[in-house]
Amino acid sequence: MISGWVLIGLWVVLAFVMAAVPSTDHHWRRAYVLIALGCPALVWIFWHEGFWMGLVALIVGGLVLRWPVYYLWRWIKARLGRA
């Protein structure tokens, strides 16, 4: 069975390879692909590896996808009326 560390590492390598290729939309489509691949992987890591490993994976994903996380945070603040 694949380890959580290996899965996180493969996802990060995929993210860096995707970031190295030029893009016309500032890499947003690639971010959507990484999110679509990362969410099931994150659930798998939480389920099989435990809370702390899942938390590490969540932090790594947030660091790699910093702009989508930033815009999500802004959207949440606007929805709560604190903009």
N, C-alpha and C. Protein backbone atom coordinates (compact mmCIF):
# COMPACT_ATOMS: atom_id res chain seq x y z
N MET A 1 0.85 -1.18 0.00
CA MET A 1 0.00 0.00 0.00
C MET A 1 0.89 1.24 0.00
N ILE A 2 0.46 2.26 -0.69
CA ILE A 2 1.24 3.48 -0.84
C ILE A 2 1.17 4.31 0.45
N SER A 3 2.29 4.88 0.83
CA SER A 3 2.38 5.69 2.03
C SER A 3 1.85 7.11 1.77
N GLY A 4 1.40 7.75 2.84
CA GLY A 4 0.92 9.12 2.73
C GLY A 4 2.01 10.09 2.29
N TRP A 5 3.23 9.86 2.79
CA TRP A 5 4.36 10.72 2.40
C TRP A 5 4.63 10.62 0.92
N VAL A 6 4.55 9.41 0.38
CA VAL A 6 4.80 9.21 -1.05
C VAL A 6 3.71 9.89 -1.87
N LEU A 7 2.47 9.77 -1.44
CA LEU A 7 1.36 10.40 -2.15
C LEU A 7 1.48 11.93 -2.14
N ILE A 8 1.83 12.49 -0.99
CA ILE A 8 2.04 13.95 -0.92
C ILE A 8 3.20 14.36 -1.82
N GLY A 9 4.27 13.60 -1.79
CA GLY A 9 5.44 13.91 -2.62
C GLY A 9 5.13 13.86 -4.11
N LEU A 10 4.39 12.85 -4.53
CA LEU A 10 4.01 12.76 -5.95
C LEU A 10 3.11 13.92 -6.36
N TRP A 11 2.20 14.31 -5.48
CA TRP A 11 1.31 15.44 -5.77
C TRP A 11 2.11 16.74 -5.90
N VAL A 12 3.08 16.94 -5.02
CA VAL A 12 3.92 18.15 -5.08
C VAL A 12 4.78 18.15 -6.33
N VAL A 13 5.35 17.00 -6.69
CA VAL A 13 6.14 16.93 -7.92
C VAL A 13 5.26 17.24 -9.13
N LEU A 14 4.05 16.69 -9.17
CA LEU A 14 3.12 17.00 -10.25
C LEU A 14 2.80 18.49 -10.29
N ALA A 15 2.63 19.11 -9.13
CA ALA A 15 2.35 20.54 -9.08
C ALA A 15 3.51 21.35 -9.64
N PHE A 16 4.73 20.98 -9.31
CA PHE A 16 5.88 21.73 -9.81
C PHE A 16 6.10 21.52 -11.29
N VAL A 17 5.83 20.31 -11.78
CA VAL A 17 5.94 20.06 -13.22
C VAL A 17 4.88 20.87 -13.97
N MET A 18 3.67 20.91 -13.44
CA MET A 18 2.60 21.68 -14.09
C MET A 18 2.90 23.18 -14.05
N ALA A 19 3.55 23.64 -12.98
CA ALA A 19 3.88 25.06 -12.87
C ALA A 19 5.01 25.46 -13.82
N ALA A 20 5.84 24.51 -14.22
CA ALA A 20 6.97 24.81 -15.10
C ALA A 20 6.54 25.03 -16.55
N VAL A 21 5.37 24.56 -16.91
CA VAL A 21 4.87 24.69 -18.28
C VAL A 21 4.15 26.03 -18.41
N PRO A 22 4.47 26.83 -19.43
CA PRO A 22 3.80 28.13 -19.58
C PRO A 22 2.29 28.00 -19.75
N SER A 23 1.58 29.03 -19.29
CA SER A 23 0.13 29.00 -19.32
C SER A 23 -0.42 30.36 -19.72
N THR A 24 -1.57 30.37 -20.38
CA THR A 24 -2.20 31.63 -20.77
C THR A 24 -3.23 32.11 -19.76
N ASP A 25 -3.63 31.25 -18.84
CA ASP A 25 -4.65 31.63 -17.86
C ASP A 25 -4.09 31.72 -16.44
N HIS A 26 -2.80 31.97 -16.33
CA HIS A 26 -2.12 32.10 -15.04
C HIS A 26 -2.25 30.84 -14.19
N HIS A 27 -2.27 29.67 -14.84
CA HIS A 27 -2.24 28.35 -14.20
C HIS A 27 -3.52 28.00 -13.44
N TRP A 28 -4.62 28.67 -13.68
CA TRP A 28 -5.85 28.37 -12.95
C TRP A 28 -6.42 27.01 -13.33
N ARG A 29 -6.38 26.64 -14.61
CA ARG A 29 -6.87 25.31 -15.00
C ARG A 29 -6.05 24.21 -14.34
N ARG A 30 -4.77 24.42 -14.25
CA ARG A 30 -3.91 23.43 -13.60
C ARG A 30 -4.20 23.37 -12.10
N ALA A 31 -4.53 24.50 -11.51
CA ALA A 31 -4.90 24.50 -10.10
C ALA A 31 -6.17 23.70 -9.88
N TYR A 32 -7.13 23.82 -10.80
CA TYR A 32 -8.36 23.03 -10.68
C TYR A 32 -8.07 21.54 -10.78
N VAL A 33 -7.15 21.15 -11.66
CA VAL A 33 -6.77 19.74 -11.78
C VAL A 33 -6.09 19.27 -10.49
N LEU A 34 -5.21 20.08 -9.94
CA LEU A 34 -4.54 19.70 -8.71
C LEU A 34 -5.52 19.59 -7.55
N ILE A 35 -6.52 20.47 -7.50
CA ILE A 35 -7.54 20.38 -6.46
C ILE A 35 -8.36 19.11 -6.65
N ALA A 36 -8.73 18.81 -7.90
CA ALA A 36 -9.52 17.60 -8.17
C ALA A 36 -8.75 16.33 -7.83
N LEU A 37 -7.45 16.33 -8.02
CA LEU A 37 -6.64 15.17 -7.65
C LEU A 37 -6.31 15.17 -6.16
N GLY A 38 -6.17 16.34 -5.58
CA GLY A 38 -5.74 16.44 -4.19
C GLY A 38 -6.82 16.16 -3.18
N CYS A 39 -8.07 16.48 -3.49
CA CYS A 39 -9.15 16.25 -2.52
C CYS A 39 -9.35 14.77 -2.21
N PRO A 40 -9.47 13.89 -3.21
CA PRO A 40 -9.58 12.47 -2.86
C PRO A 40 -8.32 11.93 -2.18
N ALA A 41 -7.16 12.42 -2.59
CA ALA A 41 -5.92 12.00 -1.94
C ALA A 41 -5.89 12.45 -0.48
N LEU A 42 -6.39 13.65 -0.22
CA LEU A 42 -6.43 14.17 1.14
C LEU A 42 -7.36 13.33 2.02
N VAL A 43 -8.52 12.98 1.49
CA VAL A 43 -9.46 12.13 2.23
C VAL A 43 -8.81 10.77 2.51
N TRP A 44 -8.13 10.21 1.50
CA TRP A 44 -7.47 8.92 1.66
C TRP A 44 -6.41 8.99 2.75
N ILE A 45 -5.64 10.08 2.75
CA ILE A 45 -4.58 10.23 3.76
C ILE A 45 -5.19 10.38 5.15
N PHE A 46 -6.24 11.18 5.28
CA PHE A 46 -6.90 11.31 6.58
C PHE A 46 -7.44 9.96 7.04
N TRP A 47 -8.01 9.19 6.13
CA TRP A 47 -8.63 7.92 6.50
C TRP A 47 -7.60 6.86 6.89
N HIS A 48 -6.53 6.74 6.10
CA HIS A 48 -5.58 5.66 6.32
C HIS A 48 -4.40 6.04 7.21
N GLU A 49 -3.99 7.27 7.18
CA GLU A 49 -2.78 7.66 7.91
C GLU A 49 -3.07 8.37 9.23
N GLY A 50 -4.27 8.90 9.38
CA GLY A 50 -4.61 9.55 10.63
C GLY A 50 -4.69 11.07 10.51
N PHE A 51 -5.09 11.67 11.61
CA PHE A 51 -5.34 13.11 11.64
C PHE A 51 -4.09 13.94 11.37
N TRP A 52 -2.99 13.63 12.03
CA TRP A 52 -1.79 14.46 11.93
C TRP A 52 -1.17 14.41 10.54
N MET A 53 -1.17 13.24 9.94
CA MET A 53 -0.66 13.12 8.57
C MET A 53 -1.58 13.85 7.60
N GLY A 54 -2.88 13.76 7.84
CA GLY A 54 -3.83 14.49 7.01
C GLY A 54 -3.67 15.99 7.16
N LEU A 55 -3.38 16.44 8.37
CA LEU A 55 -3.15 17.86 8.59
C LEU A 55 -1.89 18.34 7.87
N VAL A 56 -0.84 17.52 7.88
CA VAL A 56 0.38 17.85 7.13
C VAL A 56 0.07 17.96 5.64
N ALA A 57 -0.72 17.01 5.12
CA ALA A 57 -1.09 17.03 3.71
C ALA A 57 -1.92 18.27 3.39
N LEU A 58 -2.82 18.64 4.27
CA LEU A 58 -3.65 19.84 4.07
C LEU A 58 -2.80 21.10 4.05
N ILE A 59 -1.83 21.20 4.93
CA ILE A 59 -0.93 22.36 4.96
C ILE A 59 -0.07 22.42 3.71
N VAL A 60 0.45 21.28 3.28
CA VAL A 60 1.25 21.24 2.06
C VAL A 60 0.42 21.67 0.87
N GLY A 61 -0.80 21.18 0.77
CA GLY A 61 -1.69 21.59 -0.32
C GLY A 61 -2.00 23.07 -0.29
N GLY A 62 -2.20 23.62 0.91
CA GLY A 62 -2.43 25.06 1.03
C GLY A 62 -1.22 25.89 0.64
N LEU A 63 -0.03 25.39 0.93
CA LEU A 63 1.18 26.11 0.55
C LEU A 63 1.41 26.07 -0.96
N VAL A 64 1.09 24.96 -1.57
CA VAL A 64 1.28 24.85 -3.02
C VAL A 64 0.22 25.66 -3.76
N LEU A 65 -1.02 25.58 -3.30
CA LEU A 65 -2.14 26.28 -3.95
C LEU A 65 -2.48 27.57 -3.19
N ARG A 66 -1.49 28.42 -3.00
CA ARG A 66 -1.70 29.58 -2.15
C ARG A 66 -2.70 30.59 -2.72
N TRP A 67 -2.73 30.82 -4.02
CA TRP A 67 -3.67 31.80 -4.57
C TRP A 67 -5.11 31.32 -4.54
N PRO A 68 -5.39 30.08 -4.90
CA PRO A 68 -6.78 29.62 -4.73
C PRO A 68 -7.23 29.66 -3.27
N VAL A 69 -6.33 29.36 -2.34
CA VAL A 69 -6.68 29.43 -0.92
C VAL A 69 -6.94 30.88 -0.52
N TYR A 70 -6.14 31.80 -1.01
CA TYR A 70 -6.32 33.22 -0.71
C TYR A 70 -7.68 33.72 -1.22
N TYR A 71 -8.01 33.36 -2.46
CA TYR A 71 -9.29 33.80 -3.01
C TYR A 71 -10.47 33.12 -2.32
N LEU A 72 -10.31 31.88 -1.88
CA LEU A 72 -11.35 31.22 -1.10
C LEU A 72 -11.56 31.94 0.23
N TRP A 73 -10.47 32.33 0.86
CA TRP A 73 -10.56 33.06 2.13
C TRP A 73 -11.27 34.41 1.94
N ARG A 74 -10.94 35.11 0.85
CA ARG A 74 -11.62 36.38 0.56
C ARG A 74 -13.10 36.16 0.31
N TRP A 75 -13.48 35.10 -0.40
CA TRP A 75 -14.87 34.81 -0.69
C TRP A 75 -15.63 34.49 0.58
N ILE A 76 -15.01 33.72 1.48
CA ILE A 76 -15.66 33.39 2.76
C ILE A 76 -15.87 34.65 3.58
N LYS A 77 -14.87 35.52 3.65
CA LYS A 77 -15.01 36.76 4.41
C LYS A 77 -16.12 37.64 3.82
N ALA A 78 -16.24 37.68 2.50
CA ALA A 78 -17.29 38.48 1.86
C ALA A 78 -18.67 37.89 2.17
N ARG A 79 -18.78 36.58 2.21
CA ARG A 79 -20.05 35.92 2.52
C ARG A 79 -20.47 36.15 3.96
N LEU A 80 -19.49 36.26 4.85
CA LEU A 80 -19.81 36.49 6.24
C LEU A 80 -20.03 37.96 6.55
N GLY A 81 -19.82 38.82 5.59
CA GLY A 81 -20.07 40.24 5.78
C GLY A 81 -18.94 41.01 6.42
N ARG A 82 -17.73 40.50 6.33
CA ARG A 82 -16.59 41.18 6.95
C ARG A 82 -15.62 41.72 5.92
N ALA A 83 -16.10 42.06 4.76
CA ALA A 83 -15.21 42.49 3.68
C ALA A 83 -14.73 43.89 3.85
